[in-house]
Amino acid sequence: GAARAHPFSRSCVMSGLEVEPYWRDVGT
């Protein structure tokens, strides 16, 4: 019971162009 989640949206760095949090796994 000692683990916490941190949603990416809270610390994502966005400029004026970006409208939503950007994260990609370019693994394929």
mmCIF file of all heavy atoms, coordinates in Angstrom:
data_MODEL
# 
_entry.id   MODEL 
# 
loop_
_atom_site.group_PDB 
_atom_site.id 
_atom_site.type_symbol 
_atom_site.label_atom_id 
_atom_site.label_alt_id 
_atom_site.label_comp_id 
_atom_site.label_asym_id 
_atom_site.label_entity_id 
_atom_site.label_seq_id 
_atom_site.pdbx_PDB_ins_code 
_atom_site.Cartn_x 
_atom_site.Cartn_y 
_atom_site.Cartn_z 
_atom_site.occupancy 
_atom_site.B_iso_or_equiv 
_atom_site.pdbx_formal_charge 
_atom_site.auth_seq_id 
_atom_site.auth_comp_id 
_atom_site.auth_asym_id 
_atom_site.auth_atom_id 
_atom_site.pdbx_PDB_model_num 
ATOM 1   N N   . GLY A 1 1  ? 0.800  -1.231 0.000   1.00 0.00 ? 1  GLY A N   1 
ATOM 2   C CA  . GLY A 1 1  ? 0.000  0.000  0.000   1.00 0.00 ? 1  GLY A CA  1 
ATOM 3   C C   . GLY A 1 1  ? 0.825  1.269  0.000   1.00 0.00 ? 1  GLY A C   1 
ATOM 4   O O   . GLY A 1 1  ? 0.310  2.357  0.289   1.00 0.00 ? 1  GLY A O   1 
ATOM 5   N N   . ALA A 1 2  ? 2.124  1.169  -0.374  1.00 0.00 ? 2  ALA A N   1 
ATOM 6   C CA  . ALA A 1 2  ? 3.013  2.330  -0.276  1.00 0.00 ? 2  ALA A CA  1 
ATOM 7   C C   . ALA A 1 2  ? 3.438  2.872  -1.639  1.00 0.00 ? 2  ALA A C   1 
ATOM 8   O O   . ALA A 1 2  ? 4.416  3.616  -1.734  1.00 0.00 ? 2  ALA A O   1 
ATOM 9   C CB  . ALA A 1 2  ? 4.237  1.962  0.547   1.00 0.00 ? 2  ALA A CB  1 
ATOM 10  N N   . ALA A 1 3  ? 2.715  2.513  -2.697  1.00 0.00 ? 3  ALA A N   1 
ATOM 11  C CA  . ALA A 1 3  ? 3.067  2.973  -4.044  1.00 0.00 ? 3  ALA A CA  1 
ATOM 12  C C   . ALA A 1 3  ? 2.068  4.023  -4.526  1.00 0.00 ? 3  ALA A C   1 
ATOM 13  O O   . ALA A 1 3  ? 0.865  3.912  -4.287  1.00 0.00 ? 3  ALA A O   1 
ATOM 14  C CB  . ALA A 1 3  ? 3.094  1.796  -5.012  1.00 0.00 ? 3  ALA A CB  1 
ATOM 15  N N   . ARG A 1 4  ? 2.582  5.042  -5.202  1.00 0.00 ? 4  ARG A N   1 
ATOM 16  C CA  . ARG A 1 4  ? 1.738  6.107  -5.742  1.00 0.00 ? 4  ARG A CA  1 
ATOM 17  C C   . ARG A 1 4  ? 1.979  6.255  -7.241  1.00 0.00 ? 4  ARG A C   1 
ATOM 18  O O   . ARG A 1 4  ? 3.083  6.030  -7.733  1.00 0.00 ? 4  ARG A O   1 
ATOM 19  C CB  . ARG A 1 4  ? 2.047  7.449  -5.063  1.00 0.00 ? 4  ARG A CB  1 
ATOM 20  C CG  . ARG A 1 4  ? 1.594  7.539  -3.603  1.00 0.00 ? 4  ARG A CG  1 
ATOM 21  C CD  . ARG A 1 4  ? 0.082  7.704  -3.510  1.00 0.00 ? 4  ARG A CD  1 
ATOM 22  N NE  . ARG A 1 4  ? -0.383 7.972  -2.155  1.00 0.00 ? 4  ARG A NE  1 
ATOM 23  C CZ  . ARG A 1 4  ? -0.578 7.057  -1.217  1.00 0.00 ? 4  ARG A CZ  1 
ATOM 24  N NH1 . ARG A 1 4  ? -0.306 5.785  -1.490  1.00 0.00 ? 4  ARG A NH1 1 
ATOM 25  N NH2 . ARG A 1 4  ? -1.015 7.378  -0.023  1.00 0.00 ? 4  ARG A NH2 1 
ATOM 26  N N   . ALA A 1 5  ? 0.938  6.650  -7.940  1.00 0.00 ? 5  ALA A N   1 
ATOM 27  C CA  . ALA A 1 5  ? 1.037  6.910  -9.376  1.00 0.00 ? 5  ALA A CA  1 
ATOM 28  C C   . ALA A 1 5  ? 1.250  8.399  -9.615  1.00 0.00 ? 5  ALA A C   1 
ATOM 29  O O   . ALA A 1 5  ? 0.751  9.240  -8.854  1.00 0.00 ? 5  ALA A O   1 
ATOM 30  C CB  . ALA A 1 5  ? -0.229 6.439  -10.085 1.00 0.00 ? 5  ALA A CB  1 
ATOM 31  N N   . HIS A 1 6  ? 1.992  8.711  -10.659 1.00 0.00 ? 6  HIS A N   1 
ATOM 32  C CA  . HIS A 1 6  ? 2.178  10.103 -11.076 1.00 0.00 ? 6  HIS A CA  1 
ATOM 33  C C   . HIS A 1 6  ? 1.747  10.225 -12.536 1.00 0.00 ? 6  HIS A C   1 
ATOM 34  O O   . HIS A 1 6  ? 2.481  9.814  -13.442 1.00 0.00 ? 6  HIS A O   1 
ATOM 35  C CB  . HIS A 1 6  ? 3.637  10.535 -10.921 1.00 0.00 ? 6  HIS A CB  1 
ATOM 36  C CG  . HIS A 1 6  ? 3.904  11.925 -11.442 1.00 0.00 ? 6  HIS A CG  1 
ATOM 37  N ND1 . HIS A 1 6  ? 3.670  13.053 -10.690 1.00 0.00 ? 6  HIS A ND1 1 
ATOM 38  C CD2 . HIS A 1 6  ? 4.347  12.362 -12.652 1.00 0.00 ? 6  HIS A CD2 1 
ATOM 39  C CE1 . HIS A 1 6  ? 3.981  14.119 -11.403 1.00 0.00 ? 6  HIS A CE1 1 
ATOM 40  N NE2 . HIS A 1 6  ? 4.382  13.728 -12.597 1.00 0.00 ? 6  HIS A NE2 1 
ATOM 41  N N   . PRO A 1 7  ? 0.550  10.759 -12.798 1.00 0.00 ? 7  PRO A N   1 
ATOM 42  C CA  . PRO A 1 7  ? 0.094  10.912 -14.187 1.00 0.00 ? 7  PRO A CA  1 
ATOM 43  C C   . PRO A 1 7  ? 1.016  11.842 -14.969 1.00 0.00 ? 7  PRO A C   1 
ATOM 44  O O   . PRO A 1 7  ? 1.376  12.932 -14.492 1.00 0.00 ? 7  PRO A O   1 
ATOM 45  C CB  . PRO A 1 7  ? -1.302 11.518 -14.030 1.00 0.00 ? 7  PRO A CB  1 
ATOM 46  C CG  . PRO A 1 7  ? -1.742 11.120 -12.651 1.00 0.00 ? 7  PRO A CG  1 
ATOM 47  C CD  . PRO A 1 7  ? -0.490 11.143 -11.824 1.00 0.00 ? 7  PRO A CD  1 
ATOM 48  N N   . PHE A 1 8  ? 1.384  11.414 -16.144 1.00 0.00 ? 8  PHE A N   1 
ATOM 49  C CA  . PHE A 1 8  ? 2.303  12.160 -17.002 1.00 0.00 ? 8  PHE A CA  1 
ATOM 50  C C   . PHE A 1 8  ? 1.806  13.576 -17.283 1.00 0.00 ? 8  PHE A C   1 
ATOM 51  O O   . PHE A 1 8  ? 2.599  14.513 -17.419 1.00 0.00 ? 8  PHE A O   1 
ATOM 52  C CB  . PHE A 1 8  ? 2.488  11.372 -18.302 1.00 0.00 ? 8  PHE A CB  1 
ATOM 53  C CG  . PHE A 1 8  ? 3.345  12.041 -19.344 1.00 0.00 ? 8  PHE A CG  1 
ATOM 54  C CD1 . PHE A 1 8  ? 4.616  12.504 -19.047 1.00 0.00 ? 8  PHE A CD1 1 
ATOM 55  C CD2 . PHE A 1 8  ? 2.882  12.188 -20.650 1.00 0.00 ? 8  PHE A CD2 1 
ATOM 56  C CE1 . PHE A 1 8  ? 5.410  13.106 -20.019 1.00 0.00 ? 8  PHE A CE1 1 
ATOM 57  C CE2 . PHE A 1 8  ? 3.663  12.779 -21.624 1.00 0.00 ? 8  PHE A CE2 1 
ATOM 58  C CZ  . PHE A 1 8  ? 4.929  13.242 -21.303 1.00 0.00 ? 8  PHE A CZ  1 
ATOM 59  N N   . SER A 1 9  ? 0.497  13.748 -17.354 1.00 0.00 ? 9  SER A N   1 
ATOM 60  C CA  . SER A 1 9  ? -0.071 15.057 -17.686 1.00 0.00 ? 9  SER A CA  1 
ATOM 61  C C   . SER A 1 9  ? 0.325  16.142 -16.686 1.00 0.00 ? 9  SER A C   1 
ATOM 62  O O   . SER A 1 9  ? 0.325  17.330 -17.017 1.00 0.00 ? 9  SER A O   1 
ATOM 63  C CB  . SER A 1 9  ? -1.596 14.970 -17.770 1.00 0.00 ? 9  SER A CB  1 
ATOM 64  O OG  . SER A 1 9  ? -2.129 14.471 -16.551 1.00 0.00 ? 9  SER A OG  1 
ATOM 65  N N   . ARG A 1 10 ? 0.694  15.759 -15.472 1.00 0.00 ? 10 ARG A N   1 
ATOM 66  C CA  . ARG A 1 10 ? 1.051  16.740 -14.441 1.00 0.00 ? 10 ARG A CA  1 
ATOM 67  C C   . ARG A 1 10 ? 2.453  17.315 -14.623 1.00 0.00 ? 10 ARG A C   1 
ATOM 68  O O   . ARG A 1 10 ? 2.750  18.393 -14.096 1.00 0.00 ? 10 ARG A O   1 
ATOM 69  C CB  . ARG A 1 10 ? 0.958  16.107 -13.048 1.00 0.00 ? 10 ARG A CB  1 
ATOM 70  C CG  . ARG A 1 10 ? -0.448 15.736 -12.636 1.00 0.00 ? 10 ARG A CG  1 
ATOM 71  C CD  . ARG A 1 10 ? -0.460 15.146 -11.252 1.00 0.00 ? 10 ARG A CD  1 
ATOM 72  N NE  . ARG A 1 10 ? -1.758 14.552 -10.938 1.00 0.00 ? 10 ARG A NE  1 
ATOM 73  C CZ  . ARG A 1 10 ? -1.982 13.771 -9.905  1.00 0.00 ? 10 ARG A CZ  1 
ATOM 74  N NH1 . ARG A 1 10 ? -0.978 13.490 -9.065  1.00 0.00 ? 10 ARG A NH1 1 
ATOM 75  N NH2 . ARG A 1 10 ? -3.175 13.250 -9.694  1.00 0.00 ? 10 ARG A NH2 1 
ATOM 76  N N   . SER A 1 11 ? 3.314  16.595 -15.314 1.00 0.00 ? 11 SER A N   1 
ATOM 77  C CA  . SER A 1 11 ? 4.696  17.067 -15.441 1.00 0.00 ? 11 SER A CA  1 
ATOM 78  C C   . SER A 1 11 ? 5.176  17.109 -16.889 1.00 0.00 ? 11 SER A C   1 
ATOM 79  O O   . SER A 1 11 ? 6.344  17.400 -17.146 1.00 0.00 ? 11 SER A O   1 
ATOM 80  C CB  . SER A 1 11 ? 5.634  16.174 -14.620 1.00 0.00 ? 11 SER A CB  1 
ATOM 81  O OG  . SER A 1 11 ? 5.464  14.810 -14.956 1.00 0.00 ? 11 SER A OG  1 
ATOM 82  N N   . CYS A 1 12 ? 4.276  16.836 -17.830 1.00 0.00 ? 12 CYS A N   1 
ATOM 83  C CA  . CYS A 1 12 ? 4.623  16.918 -19.248 1.00 0.00 ? 12 CYS A CA  1 
ATOM 84  C C   . CYS A 1 12 ? 4.957  18.362 -19.617 1.00 0.00 ? 12 CYS A C   1 
ATOM 85  O O   . CYS A 1 12 ? 4.270  19.292 -19.188 1.00 0.00 ? 12 CYS A O   1 
ATOM 86  C CB  . CYS A 1 12 ? 3.464  16.416 -20.095 1.00 0.00 ? 12 CYS A CB  1 
ATOM 87  S SG  . CYS A 1 12 ? 3.697  16.624 -21.861 1.00 0.00 ? 12 CYS A SG  1 
ATOM 88  N N   . VAL A 1 13 ? 6.004  18.551 -20.385 1.00 0.00 ? 13 VAL A N   1 
ATOM 89  C CA  . VAL A 1 13 ? 6.394  19.889 -20.836 1.00 0.00 ? 13 VAL A CA  1 
ATOM 90  C C   . VAL A 1 13 ? 5.779  20.129 -22.208 1.00 0.00 ? 13 VAL A C   1 
ATOM 91  O O   . VAL A 1 13 ? 6.045  19.391 -23.161 1.00 0.00 ? 13 VAL A O   1 
ATOM 92  C CB  . VAL A 1 13 ? 7.924  20.019 -20.902 1.00 0.00 ? 13 VAL A CB  1 
ATOM 93  C CG1 . VAL A 1 13 ? 8.314  21.377 -21.471 1.00 0.00 ? 13 VAL A CG1 1 
ATOM 94  C CG2 . VAL A 1 13 ? 8.534  19.816 -19.520 1.00 0.00 ? 13 VAL A CG2 1 
ATOM 95  N N   . MET A 1 14 ? 4.948  21.164 -22.301 1.00 0.00 ? 14 MET A N   1 
ATOM 96  C CA  . MET A 1 14 ? 4.289  21.470 -23.568 1.00 0.00 ? 14 MET A CA  1 
ATOM 97  C C   . MET A 1 14 ? 4.536  22.921 -23.950 1.00 0.00 ? 14 MET A C   1 
ATOM 98  O O   . MET A 1 14 ? 4.544  23.808 -23.096 1.00 0.00 ? 14 MET A O   1 
ATOM 99  C CB  . MET A 1 14 ? 2.777  21.216 -23.460 1.00 0.00 ? 14 MET A CB  1 
ATOM 100 C CG  . MET A 1 14 ? 2.416  19.750 -23.316 1.00 0.00 ? 14 MET A CG  1 
ATOM 101 S SD  . MET A 1 14 ? 0.652  19.415 -23.541 1.00 0.00 ? 14 MET A SD  1 
ATOM 102 C CE  . MET A 1 14 ? -0.026 20.162 -22.069 1.00 0.00 ? 14 MET A CE  1 
ATOM 103 N N   . SER A 1 15 ? 4.755  23.148 -25.245 1.00 0.00 ? 15 SER A N   1 
ATOM 104 C CA  . SER A 1 15 ? 4.906  24.502 -25.759 1.00 0.00 ? 15 SER A CA  1 
ATOM 105 C C   . SER A 1 15 ? 3.559  24.962 -26.315 1.00 0.00 ? 15 SER A C   1 
ATOM 106 O O   . SER A 1 15 ? 2.542  24.293 -26.150 1.00 0.00 ? 15 SER A O   1 
ATOM 107 C CB  . SER A 1 15 ? 5.965  24.529 -26.857 1.00 0.00 ? 15 SER A CB  1 
ATOM 108 O OG  . SER A 1 15 ? 5.461  23.879 -28.018 1.00 0.00 ? 15 SER A OG  1 
ATOM 109 N N   . GLY A 1 16 ? 3.560  26.097 -26.992 1.00 0.00 ? 16 GLY A N   1 
ATOM 110 C CA  . GLY A 1 16 ? 2.317  26.618 -27.550 1.00 0.00 ? 16 GLY A CA  1 
ATOM 111 C C   . GLY A 1 16 ? 1.728  25.728 -28.632 1.00 0.00 ? 16 GLY A C   1 
ATOM 112 O O   . GLY A 1 16 ? 0.518  25.698 -28.840 1.00 0.00 ? 16 GLY A O   1 
ATOM 113 N N   . LEU A 1 17 ? 2.598  24.964 -29.349 1.00 0.00 ? 17 LEU A N   1 
ATOM 114 C CA  . LEU A 1 17 ? 2.113  24.127 -30.447 1.00 0.00 ? 17 LEU A CA  1 
ATOM 115 C C   . LEU A 1 17 ? 1.401  22.876 -29.944 1.00 0.00 ? 17 LEU A C   1 
ATOM 116 O O   . LEU A 1 17 ? 0.460  22.390 -30.563 1.00 0.00 ? 17 LEU A O   1 
ATOM 117 C CB  . LEU A 1 17 ? 3.285  23.703 -31.343 1.00 0.00 ? 17 LEU A CB  1 
ATOM 118 C CG  . LEU A 1 17 ? 3.780  24.695 -32.393 1.00 0.00 ? 17 LEU A CG  1 
ATOM 119 C CD1 . LEU A 1 17 ? 4.959  24.098 -33.148 1.00 0.00 ? 17 LEU A CD1 1 
ATOM 120 C CD2 . LEU A 1 17 ? 2.669  25.051 -33.373 1.00 0.00 ? 17 LEU A CD2 1 
ATOM 121 N N   . GLU A 1 18 ? 1.872  22.331 -28.832 1.00 0.00 ? 18 GLU A N   1 
ATOM 122 C CA  . GLU A 1 18 ? 1.356  21.048 -28.352 1.00 0.00 ? 18 GLU A CA  1 
ATOM 123 C C   . GLU A 1 18 ? 0.058  21.240 -27.582 1.00 0.00 ? 18 GLU A C   1 
ATOM 124 O O   . GLU A 1 18 ? -0.043 22.123 -26.725 1.00 0.00 ? 18 GLU A O   1 
ATOM 125 C CB  . GLU A 1 18 ? 2.417  20.370 -27.471 1.00 0.00 ? 18 GLU A CB  1 
ATOM 126 C CG  . GLU A 1 18 ? 3.642  19.942 -28.269 1.00 0.00 ? 18 GLU A CG  1 
ATOM 127 C CD  . GLU A 1 18 ? 4.923  19.939 -27.461 1.00 0.00 ? 18 GLU A CD  1 
ATOM 128 O OE1 . GLU A 1 18 ? 5.057  20.744 -26.526 1.00 0.00 ? 18 GLU A OE1 1 
ATOM 129 O OE2 . GLU A 1 18 ? 5.810  19.147 -27.783 1.00 0.00 ? 18 GLU A OE2 1 
ATOM 130 N N   . VAL A 1 19 ? -0.928 20.427 -27.892 1.00 0.00 ? 19 VAL A N   1 
ATOM 131 C CA  . VAL A 1 19 ? -2.245 20.583 -27.261 1.00 0.00 ? 19 VAL A CA  1 
ATOM 132 C C   . VAL A 1 19 ? -2.551 19.480 -26.254 1.00 0.00 ? 19 VAL A C   1 
ATOM 133 O O   . VAL A 1 19 ? -3.479 19.589 -25.474 1.00 0.00 ? 19 VAL A O   1 
ATOM 134 C CB  . VAL A 1 19 ? -3.364 20.642 -28.330 1.00 0.00 ? 19 VAL A CB  1 
ATOM 135 C CG1 . VAL A 1 19 ? -3.225 21.890 -29.182 1.00 0.00 ? 19 VAL A CG1 1 
ATOM 136 C CG2 . VAL A 1 19 ? -3.357 19.387 -29.213 1.00 0.00 ? 19 VAL A CG2 1 
ATOM 137 N N   . GLU A 1 20 ? -1.784 18.392 -26.289 1.00 0.00 ? 20 GLU A N   1 
ATOM 138 C CA  . GLU A 1 20 ? -1.980 17.323 -25.310 1.00 0.00 ? 20 GLU A CA  1 
ATOM 139 C C   . GLU A 1 20 ? -0.635 16.649 -25.037 1.00 0.00 ? 20 GLU A C   1 
ATOM 140 O O   . GLU A 1 20 ? 0.298  16.747 -25.849 1.00 0.00 ? 20 GLU A O   1 
ATOM 141 C CB  . GLU A 1 20 ? -3.002 16.300 -25.804 1.00 0.00 ? 20 GLU A CB  1 
ATOM 142 C CG  . GLU A 1 20 ? -2.645 15.605 -27.084 1.00 0.00 ? 20 GLU A CG  1 
ATOM 143 C CD  . GLU A 1 20 ? -3.732 14.631 -27.532 1.00 0.00 ? 20 GLU A CD  1 
ATOM 144 O OE1 . GLU A 1 20 ? -4.916 14.859 -27.223 1.00 0.00 ? 20 GLU A OE1 1 
ATOM 145 O OE2 . GLU A 1 20 ? -3.369 13.633 -28.176 1.00 0.00 ? 20 GLU A OE2 1 
ATOM 146 N N   . PRO A 1 21 ? -0.505 15.989 -23.883 1.00 0.00 ? 21 PRO A N   1 
ATOM 147 C CA  . PRO A 1 21 ? 0.773  15.357 -23.536 1.00 0.00 ? 21 PRO A CA  1 
ATOM 148 C C   . PRO A 1 21 ? 1.236  14.373 -24.610 1.00 0.00 ? 21 PRO A C   1 
ATOM 149 O O   . PRO A 1 21 ? 0.456  13.568 -25.106 1.00 0.00 ? 21 PRO A O   1 
ATOM 150 C CB  . PRO A 1 21 ? 0.460  14.633 -22.220 1.00 0.00 ? 21 PRO A CB  1 
ATOM 151 C CG  . PRO A 1 21 ? -0.671 15.399 -21.624 1.00 0.00 ? 21 PRO A CG  1 
ATOM 152 C CD  . PRO A 1 21 ? -1.500 15.852 -22.786 1.00 0.00 ? 21 PRO A CD  1 
ATOM 153 N N   . TYR A 1 22 ? 2.514  14.480 -24.968 1.00 0.00 ? 22 TYR A N   1 
ATOM 154 C CA  . TYR A 1 22 ? 3.082  13.652 -26.035 1.00 0.00 ? 22 TYR A CA  1 
ATOM 155 C C   . TYR A 1 22 ? 4.035  12.627 -25.444 1.00 0.00 ? 22 TYR A C   1 
ATOM 156 O O   . TYR A 1 22 ? 5.029  12.974 -24.789 1.00 0.00 ? 22 TYR A O   1 
ATOM 157 C CB  . TYR A 1 22 ? 3.827  14.536 -27.039 1.00 0.00 ? 22 TYR A CB  1 
ATOM 158 C CG  . TYR A 1 22 ? 4.386  13.787 -28.239 1.00 0.00 ? 22 TYR A CG  1 
ATOM 159 C CD1 . TYR A 1 22 ? 3.707  13.758 -29.447 1.00 0.00 ? 22 TYR A CD1 1 
ATOM 160 C CD2 . TYR A 1 22 ? 5.603  13.106 -28.157 1.00 0.00 ? 22 TYR A CD2 1 
ATOM 161 C CE1 . TYR A 1 22 ? 4.209  13.069 -30.550 1.00 0.00 ? 22 TYR A CE1 1 
ATOM 162 C CE2 . TYR A 1 22 ? 6.113  12.414 -29.255 1.00 0.00 ? 22 TYR A CE2 1 
ATOM 163 C CZ  . TYR A 1 22 ? 5.413  12.401 -30.444 1.00 0.00 ? 22 TYR A CZ  1 
ATOM 164 O OH  . TYR A 1 22 ? 5.915  11.723 -31.526 1.00 0.00 ? 22 TYR A OH  1 
ATOM 165 N N   . TRP A 1 23 ? 3.752  11.349 -25.657 1.00 0.00 ? 23 TRP A N   1 
ATOM 166 C CA  . TRP A 1 23 ? 4.633  10.246 -25.250 1.00 0.00 ? 23 TRP A CA  1 
ATOM 167 C C   . TRP A 1 23 ? 4.485  9.143  -26.277 1.00 0.00 ? 23 TRP A C   1 
ATOM 168 O O   . TRP A 1 23 ? 3.380  8.727  -26.590 1.00 0.00 ? 23 TRP A O   1 
ATOM 169 C CB  . TRP A 1 23 ? 4.236  9.740  -23.861 1.00 0.00 ? 23 TRP A CB  1 
ATOM 170 C CG  . TRP A 1 23 ? 5.110  8.648  -23.312 1.00 0.00 ? 23 TRP A CG  1 
ATOM 171 C CD1 . TRP A 1 23 ? 6.271  8.802  -22.611 1.00 0.00 ? 23 TRP A CD1 1 
ATOM 172 C CD2 . TRP A 1 23 ? 4.895  7.231  -23.401 1.00 0.00 ? 23 TRP A CD2 1 
ATOM 173 N NE1 . TRP A 1 23 ? 6.793  7.576  -22.265 1.00 0.00 ? 23 TRP A NE1 1 
ATOM 174 C CE2 . TRP A 1 23 ? 5.969  6.587  -22.739 1.00 0.00 ? 23 TRP A CE2 1 
ATOM 175 C CE3 . TRP A 1 23 ? 3.906  6.433  -23.974 1.00 0.00 ? 23 TRP A CE3 1 
ATOM 176 C CZ2 . TRP A 1 23 ? 6.074  5.208  -22.636 1.00 0.00 ? 23 TRP A CZ2 1 
ATOM 177 C CZ3 . TRP A 1 23 ? 4.004  5.051  -23.881 1.00 0.00 ? 23 TRP A CZ3 1 
ATOM 178 C CH2 . TRP A 1 23 ? 5.084  4.450  -23.213 1.00 0.00 ? 23 TRP A CH2 1 
ATOM 179 N N   . ARG A 1 24 ? 5.604  8.697  -26.827 1.00 0.00 ? 24 ARG A N   1 
ATOM 180 C CA  . ARG A 1 24 ? 5.561  7.650  -27.851 1.00 0.00 ? 24 ARG A CA  1 
ATOM 181 C C   . ARG A 1 24 ? 6.591  6.565  -27.551 1.00 0.00 ? 24 ARG A C   1 
ATOM 182 O O   . ARG A 1 24 ? 7.740  6.851  -27.212 1.00 0.00 ? 24 ARG A O   1 
ATOM 183 C CB  . ARG A 1 24 ? 5.852  8.230  -29.246 1.00 0.00 ? 24 ARG A CB  1 
ATOM 184 C CG  . ARG A 1 24 ? 4.832  9.234  -29.763 1.00 0.00 ? 24 ARG A CG  1 
ATOM 185 C CD  . ARG A 1 24 ? 3.509  8.602  -30.136 1.00 0.00 ? 24 ARG A CD  1 
ATOM 186 N NE  . ARG A 1 24 ? 2.635  9.559  -30.788 1.00 0.00 ? 24 ARG A NE  1 
ATOM 187 C CZ  . ARG A 1 24 ? 1.846  10.421 -30.142 1.00 0.00 ? 24 ARG A CZ  1 
ATOM 188 N NH1 . ARG A 1 24 ? 1.822  10.444 -28.820 1.00 0.00 ? 24 ARG A NH1 1 
ATOM 189 N NH2 . ARG A 1 24 ? 1.081  11.268 -30.814 1.00 0.00 ? 24 ARG A NH2 1 
ATOM 190 N N   . ASP A 1 25 ? 6.149  5.326  -27.692 1.00 0.00 ? 25 ASP A N   1 
ATOM 191 C CA  . ASP A 1 25 ? 7.058  4.196  -27.709 1.00 0.00 ? 25 ASP A CA  1 
ATOM 192 C C   . ASP A 1 25 ? 7.238  3.830  -29.177 1.00 0.00 ? 25 ASP A C   1 
ATOM 193 O O   . ASP A 1 25 ? 6.368  3.203  -29.778 1.00 0.00 ? 25 ASP A O   1 
ATOM 194 C CB  . ASP A 1 25 ? 6.473  3.018  -26.924 1.00 0.00 ? 25 ASP A CB  1 
ATOM 195 C CG  . ASP A 1 25 ? 7.355  1.777  -26.987 1.00 0.00 ? 25 ASP A CG  1 
ATOM 196 O OD1 . ASP A 1 25 ? 8.462  1.872  -27.552 1.00 0.00 ? 25 ASP A OD1 1 
ATOM 197 O OD2 . ASP A 1 25 ? 6.943  0.720  -26.490 1.00 0.00 ? 25 ASP A OD2 1 
ATOM 198 N N   . VAL A 1 26 ? 8.366  4.257  -29.758 1.00 0.00 ? 26 VAL A N   1 
ATOM 199 C CA  . VAL A 1 26 ? 8.564  4.053  -31.203 1.00 0.00 ? 26 VAL A CA  1 
ATOM 200 C C   . VAL A 1 26 ? 9.231  2.691  -31.428 1.00 0.00 ? 26 VAL A C   1 
ATOM 201 O O   . VAL A 1 26 ? 10.222 2.572  -32.144 1.00 0.00 ? 26 VAL A O   1 
ATOM 202 C CB  . VAL A 1 26 ? 9.395  5.197  -31.822 1.00 0.00 ? 26 VAL A CB  1 
ATOM 203 C CG1 . VAL A 1 26 ? 8.571  6.464  -31.875 1.00 0.00 ? 26 VAL A CG1 1 
ATOM 204 C CG2 . VAL A 1 26 ? 10.687 5.442  -31.039 1.00 0.00 ? 26 VAL A CG2 1 
ATOM 205 N N   . GLY A 1 27 ? 8.639  1.663  -30.836 1.00 0.00 ? 27 GLY A N   1 
ATOM 206 C CA  . GLY A 1 27 ? 9.261  0.345  -30.810 1.00 0.00 ? 27 GLY A CA  1 
ATOM 207 C C   . GLY A 1 27 ? 8.952  -0.550 -31.989 1.00 0.00 ? 27 GLY A C   1 
ATOM 208 O O   . GLY A 1 27 ? 9.467  -1.668 -32.073 1.00 0.00 ? 27 GLY A O   1 
ATOM 209 N N   . THR A 1 28 ? 8.103  -0.113 -32.919 1.00 0.00 ? 28 THR A N   1 
ATOM 210 C CA  . THR A 1 28 ? 7.837  -0.890 -34.138 1.00 0.00 ? 28 THR A CA  1 
ATOM 211 C C   . THR A 1 28 ? 8.167  -0.023 -35.347 1.00 0.00 ? 28 THR A C   1 
ATOM 212 O O   . THR A 1 28 ? 8.259  1.205  -35.248 1.00 0.00 ? 28 THR A O   1 
ATOM 213 C CB  . THR A 1 28 ? 6.364  -1.324 -34.228 1.00 0.00 ? 28 THR A CB  1 
ATOM 214 O OG1 . THR A 1 28 ? 5.538  -0.142 -34.385 1.00 0.00 ? 28 THR A OG1 1 
ATOM 215 C CG2 . THR A 1 28 ? 5.926  -2.079 -32.980 1.00 0.00 ? 28 THR A CG2 1 
# 
